[in-house]
Protein backbone atom coordinates (compact mmCIF):
# COMPACT_ATOMS: atom_id res chain seq x y z
CA MET A 1 -0.02 0.00 0.02
CA ARG A 2 1.33 3.41 -0.93
CA LEU A 3 0.11 6.60 0.80
CA GLY A 4 -0.28 9.65 -1.39
CA LEU A 5 -1.76 13.09 -2.00
CA SER A 6 -4.37 14.52 -4.28
CA SER A 7 -3.61 17.78 -6.10
CA ALA A 8 -6.97 18.98 -4.72
CA ALA A 9 -5.14 19.57 -1.41
CA ALA A 10 -3.37 22.51 -3.02
CA ALA A 11 -5.45 23.18 -6.13
CA ASP A 12 -3.43 26.28 -7.20
CA ALA A 13 0.02 24.60 -6.82
CA ASP A 14 2.15 23.65 -9.79
CA ILE A 15 3.54 20.21 -10.39
CA VAL A 16 6.94 20.93 -8.72
CA ALA A 17 5.31 22.35 -5.56
CA LEU A 18 3.02 19.33 -5.32
CA LEU A 19 5.87 16.90 -5.74
CA ALA A 20 7.93 18.82 -3.14
CA ALA A 21 5.00 18.62 -0.71
CA CYS A 22 4.79 14.86 -1.22
CA ALA A 23 8.53 14.50 -0.60
CA ARG A 24 8.32 16.56 2.54
CA ARG A 25 5.46 14.53 3.99
CA GLY A 26 6.97 11.23 2.95
CA LEU A 27 4.13 10.53 0.49
CA GLY A 28 5.13 8.27 -2.41
CA VAL A 29 2.35 8.90 -4.91
CA LEU A 30 0.48 11.93 -6.28
CA GLU A 31 -2.96 12.14 -7.92
CA LEU A 32 -3.52 14.90 -10.45
CA CYS A 33 -7.04 16.18 -10.86
CA ASP A 34 -8.01 17.77 -14.17
CA GLU A 35 -9.63 20.80 -12.48
CA ASP A 36 -6.49 21.86 -10.62
CA ASP A 37 -3.66 24.20 -11.66
CA HIS A 38 -0.75 21.80 -11.74
CA GLY A 39 -0.12 22.55 -15.39
CA VAL A 40 -0.66 19.09 -16.90
CA SER A 41 -3.15 19.52 -19.71
CA ASP A 42 -1.93 17.43 -22.64
CA GLY A 43 0.53 14.65 -23.60
CA SER A 44 3.52 16.94 -23.76
CA THR A 45 3.02 18.50 -20.30
CA ALA A 46 2.18 15.03 -18.95
CA ARG A 47 5.46 13.61 -20.17
CA ALA A 48 7.36 16.56 -18.65
CA ALA A 49 5.57 16.04 -15.37
CA SER A 50 6.46 12.37 -15.36
CA VAL A 51 10.17 13.21 -15.67
CA VAL A 52 9.97 15.66 -12.77
CA ALA A 53 8.08 13.17 -10.65
CA ASN A 54 10.74 10.55 -11.23
CA ASP A 55 13.37 13.11 -10.14
CA PHE A 56 11.54 13.55 -6.85
CA GLY A 57 11.02 9.81 -6.38
CA VAL A 58 7.21 10.21 -6.46
CA GLU A 59 4.91 8.14 -8.66
CA ILE A 60 1.91 9.62 -10.39
CA ALA A 61 -1.01 7.57 -9.10
CA ALA A 62 -3.67 8.64 -11.56
CA TYR A 63 -5.07 11.47 -13.67
CA ARG A 64 -8.51 12.11 -12.22
CA VAL A 65 -11.11 13.19 -14.81
CA THR A 66 -14.01 15.18 -13.32
CA ARG A 67 -15.49 16.79 -16.46
CA ALA A 68 -16.50 15.84 -19.97
CA THR A 69 -13.31 15.17 -21.93
CA ASP A 70 -12.54 13.42 -25.20
CA ALA A 71 -11.41 9.88 -24.59
CA ALA A 72 -8.40 10.29 -26.87
CA ALA A 73 -7.22 13.34 -24.91
CA ILE A 74 -7.59 11.42 -21.66
CA ALA A 75 -5.63 8.52 -23.05
CA ASN A 76 -2.84 10.80 -24.27
CA ILE A 77 -2.47 12.45 -20.85
CA ALA A 78 -2.58 9.13 -19.01
CA ALA A 79 0.06 7.62 -21.26
CA GLY A 80 2.29 10.63 -20.82
CA LEU A 81 2.06 10.28 -17.08
CA ASP A 82 2.41 6.50 -17.26
CA ALA A 83 -0.63 6.37 -14.96
CA PRO A 84 -4.29 5.25 -15.20
CA ALA A 85 -7.13 7.62 -15.88
CA LEU A 86 -9.39 7.86 -12.85
CA LEU A 87 -12.91 8.37 -14.24
CA ALA A 88 -15.05 10.47 -11.89
CA HIS A 89 -17.35 12.20 -14.43
CA GLY A 90 -20.82 11.11 -15.53
CA SER A 91 -23.07 8.32 -14.32
CA LEU A 92 -21.56 5.02 -13.22
CA SER A 93 -22.66 3.39 -16.44
CA GLU A 94 -20.99 6.13 -18.43
CA ARG A 95 -17.78 5.77 -16.47
CA ILE A 96 -17.77 2.04 -17.10
CA GLN A 97 -18.28 2.64 -20.80
CA THR A 98 -15.48 5.23 -20.97
CA ALA A 99 -13.18 2.83 -19.17
CA GLY A 100 -13.84 0.19 -21.79
CA THR A 101 -13.04 2.74 -24.59
CA LEU A 102 -9.78 3.69 -22.90
CA VAL A 103 -8.70 0.12 -22.29
CA HIS A 104 -9.48 -0.79 -25.88
CA ALA A 105 -7.19 2.10 -26.90
CA GLY A 106 -4.36 0.74 -24.82
CA ALA A 107 -4.73 3.03 -21.79
CA ARG A 108 -5.31 2.09 -18.19
CA ALA A 109 -8.47 3.21 -16.46
CA VAL A 110 -10.18 2.93 -13.10
CA VAL A 111 -13.82 3.80 -12.45
CA GLU A 112 -14.52 5.94 -9.38
CA VAL A 113 -17.29 4.90 -7.02
CA ARG A 114 -18.38 6.69 -3.87
CA GLY A 115 -19.90 6.00 -0.49
CA PRO A 116 -20.86 2.66 1.21
CA ALA A 117 -19.93 -0.48 -0.70
CA ALA A 118 -23.49 -1.68 -0.72
CA SER A 119 -24.45 1.28 -2.94
CA TRP A 120 -22.17 0.33 -5.81
CA VAL A 121 -20.82 -3.25 -5.57
CA GLU A 122 -23.78 -4.92 -7.31
CA ALA A 123 -23.62 -2.47 -10.24
CA LEU A 124 -19.94 -3.41 -10.86
CA GLU A 125 -20.16 -7.12 -10.54
CA GLY A 126 -19.47 -8.65 -13.92
CA SER A 127 -18.29 -5.36 -15.44
CA GLY A 128 -14.66 -6.39 -15.38
CA VAL A 129 -13.46 -2.81 -14.81
CA ASP A 130 -10.92 -1.74 -12.23
CA VAL A 131 -12.30 0.34 -9.38
CA ALA A 132 -11.32 3.44 -7.43
CA TRP A 133 -13.28 3.85 -4.17
CA GLN A 134 -13.79 7.33 -2.70
CA ILE A 135 -14.47 7.01 1.03
CA ASP A 136 -16.30 9.90 2.63
CA GLU A 137 -18.34 10.55 5.79
CA SER A 138 -21.29 8.47 4.43
CA VAL A 139 -19.13 5.34 5.02
CA ALA A 140 -20.13 4.79 8.65
CA ASP A 141 -18.92 1.16 9.03
CA MET A 142 -15.46 1.51 7.49
CA ALA A 143 -14.20 -1.96 8.58
CA GLY A 144 -17.28 -3.73 7.28
CA ASP A 145 -17.36 -1.77 4.03
CA VAL A 146 -13.67 -2.42 3.26
CA GLN A 147 -14.27 -6.15 3.83
CA HIS A 148 -17.41 -6.07 1.66
CA ALA A 149 -15.64 -4.26 -1.17
CA MET A 150 -12.48 -6.36 -1.19
CA ARG A 151 -14.43 -9.62 -1.12
CA ALA A 152 -17.11 -8.67 -3.60
CA ILE A 153 -14.68 -7.46 -6.31
CA PRO A 154 -11.40 -9.29 -5.51
CA GLU A 155 -8.36 -8.05 -7.45
CA ARG A 156 -10.33 -5.15 -8.93
CA LEU A 157 -10.24 -2.59 -6.14
CA ARG A 158 -7.11 -0.80 -7.33
CA TYR A 159 -7.32 2.63 -5.77
CA VAL A 160 -8.73 4.26 -2.59
CA ARG A 161 -9.31 7.99 -1.93
CA LEU A 162 -9.97 9.16 1.60
CA LEU A 163 -11.84 12.48 1.80
CA GLY A 164 -10.99 14.31 5.00
CA GLY A 165 -7.65 12.69 5.75
CA GLY A 166 -4.47 14.63 6.49
CA PRO A 167 -5.13 17.65 8.74
CA GLU A 168 -8.85 16.96 8.83
CA ALA A 169 -8.51 13.53 10.46
CA ALA A 170 -8.64 14.89 14.00
CA MET A 171 -12.08 16.28 13.29
CA ALA A 172 -13.48 12.97 12.06
CA GLU A 173 -13.15 10.38 14.80
CA GLY A 174 -13.04 6.83 13.40
CA ARG A 175 -12.19 7.93 9.85
CA GLY A 176 -8.48 8.62 10.40
CA ILE A 177 -5.83 7.14 8.16
CA GLY A 178 -4.56 4.62 10.75
CA PRO A 179 -7.74 2.54 11.13
CA LEU A 180 -8.30 2.58 7.34
CA MET A 181 -4.74 1.51 6.55
CA GLY A 182 -5.03 -1.23 9.11
CA ARG A 183 -8.20 -2.61 7.65
CA LEU A 184 -6.91 -2.39 4.05
CA ALA A 185 -3.76 -4.20 5.11
CA LEU A 186 -5.79 -7.00 6.67
CA GLU A 187 -7.56 -7.40 3.37
CA ARG A 188 -4.25 -7.36 1.48
CA TYR A 189 -4.93 -4.23 -0.45
CA GLY A 190 -1.81 -3.15 -2.37
CA GLY A 191 -2.79 -0.02 -4.28
CA PRO A 192 -2.51 3.69 -3.50
CA LEU A 193 -4.30 5.36 -0.64
CA ILE A 194 -4.82 9.01 -1.61
CA LEU A 195 -5.52 11.79 0.95
CA ALA A 196 -7.87 14.47 -0.31
CA PRO A 197 -9.66 17.42 1.28
CA SER A 198 -13.41 17.05 1.95
CA SER A 199 -14.02 20.76 1.27
CA ARG A 200 -12.29 23.87 -0.04
CA ARG A 201 -12.98 25.50 3.30
CA TYR A 202 -10.13 23.49 4.85
CA ARG A 203 -7.62 24.97 2.30
CA VAL A 204 -5.55 26.81 4.94
CA ALA A 205 -5.27 23.71 7.13
CA TRP A 206 -4.01 21.65 4.21
CA GLU A 207 -1.46 24.30 3.16
CA ALA A 208 -0.14 24.36 6.70
CA TRP A 209 -0.01 20.54 6.86
CA LEU A 210 1.91 20.47 3.58
CA GLY A 211 4.69 22.63 4.96
CA ARG A 212 3.93 26.32 5.29
CA ARG A 213 6.63 28.15 7.33
CA GLY A 214 5.45 31.80 7.37
CA GLY A 215 5.62 31.92 3.60
CA TRP A 216 6.49 29.61 0.76
CA GLY A 217 9.96 28.56 -0.26
CA CYS A 218 11.16 27.89 -3.75
CA GLY A 219 9.57 24.47 -3.98
CA SER A 220 12.65 23.06 -5.65
CA ARG A 221 14.19 19.63 -5.13
CA ALA A 222 17.19 21.21 -3.48
CA ASP A 223 15.11 23.02 -0.84
CA ARG A 224 12.29 20.84 0.40
CA GLU A 225 12.17 22.21 3.91
CA VAL A 226 9.75 24.89 2.77
CA VAL A 227 7.11 24.07 0.19
CA GLN A 228 5.89 26.62 -2.26
CA LEU A 229 2.29 26.39 -3.34
CA ALA A 230 2.40 28.71 -6.29
CA PRO A 231 0.36 29.21 -9.46
CA ALA A 232 1.13 26.70 -12.22
CA THR A 233 4.13 27.48 -14.40
CA VAL A 234 4.11 24.56 -16.82
CA GLU A 235 3.15 25.77 -20.25
CA ARG A 236 -0.24 24.66 -21.49
């Protein structure tokens, strides 16, 4: 299991600042969301980001798609990042269909589902798609739901996002990262576990958690003690 960060935790940060934040917190993987300002927007910028990520020793976990986008464009970005496309836009049936299109084109794809396992497991049985599960406050029985999900779709739960992890965990008793990691480990889950904010109103808390020290540093690999969350600089 690899613990990582979503770019949603610092939506206005560029790719270098996000990777520096991961390095500072000891997070080995980074999720890039299409709505954030990291600067990855096509195959060229995706390939450049992949090179920088390798320099930092951080893996790109996925490219999360939250809006209507041409499948060919998604596949191009995912290939450039050497990462799966995480499909979060549209109905579940539409996500499953898009995943099939991407896989047929040679790309990797995971279909995002949300909430308690009972609300989505049946719809995915027999679909053959890989699954990314977003866990939020609606998942009241975390241990039971993890067990249900892992046993209902064995080998296909590839990705887990925890909304409200990181600096928010202290405000959500029972949904902290420790209990979830423990349960996932018991079920032999081996994919990424991505921390993401539950709301934009926690932006300041996340920025502080990612390394603010009375201002932002340069965000470079040589100076990781201070993390700069700056507007994106990668050319679009």
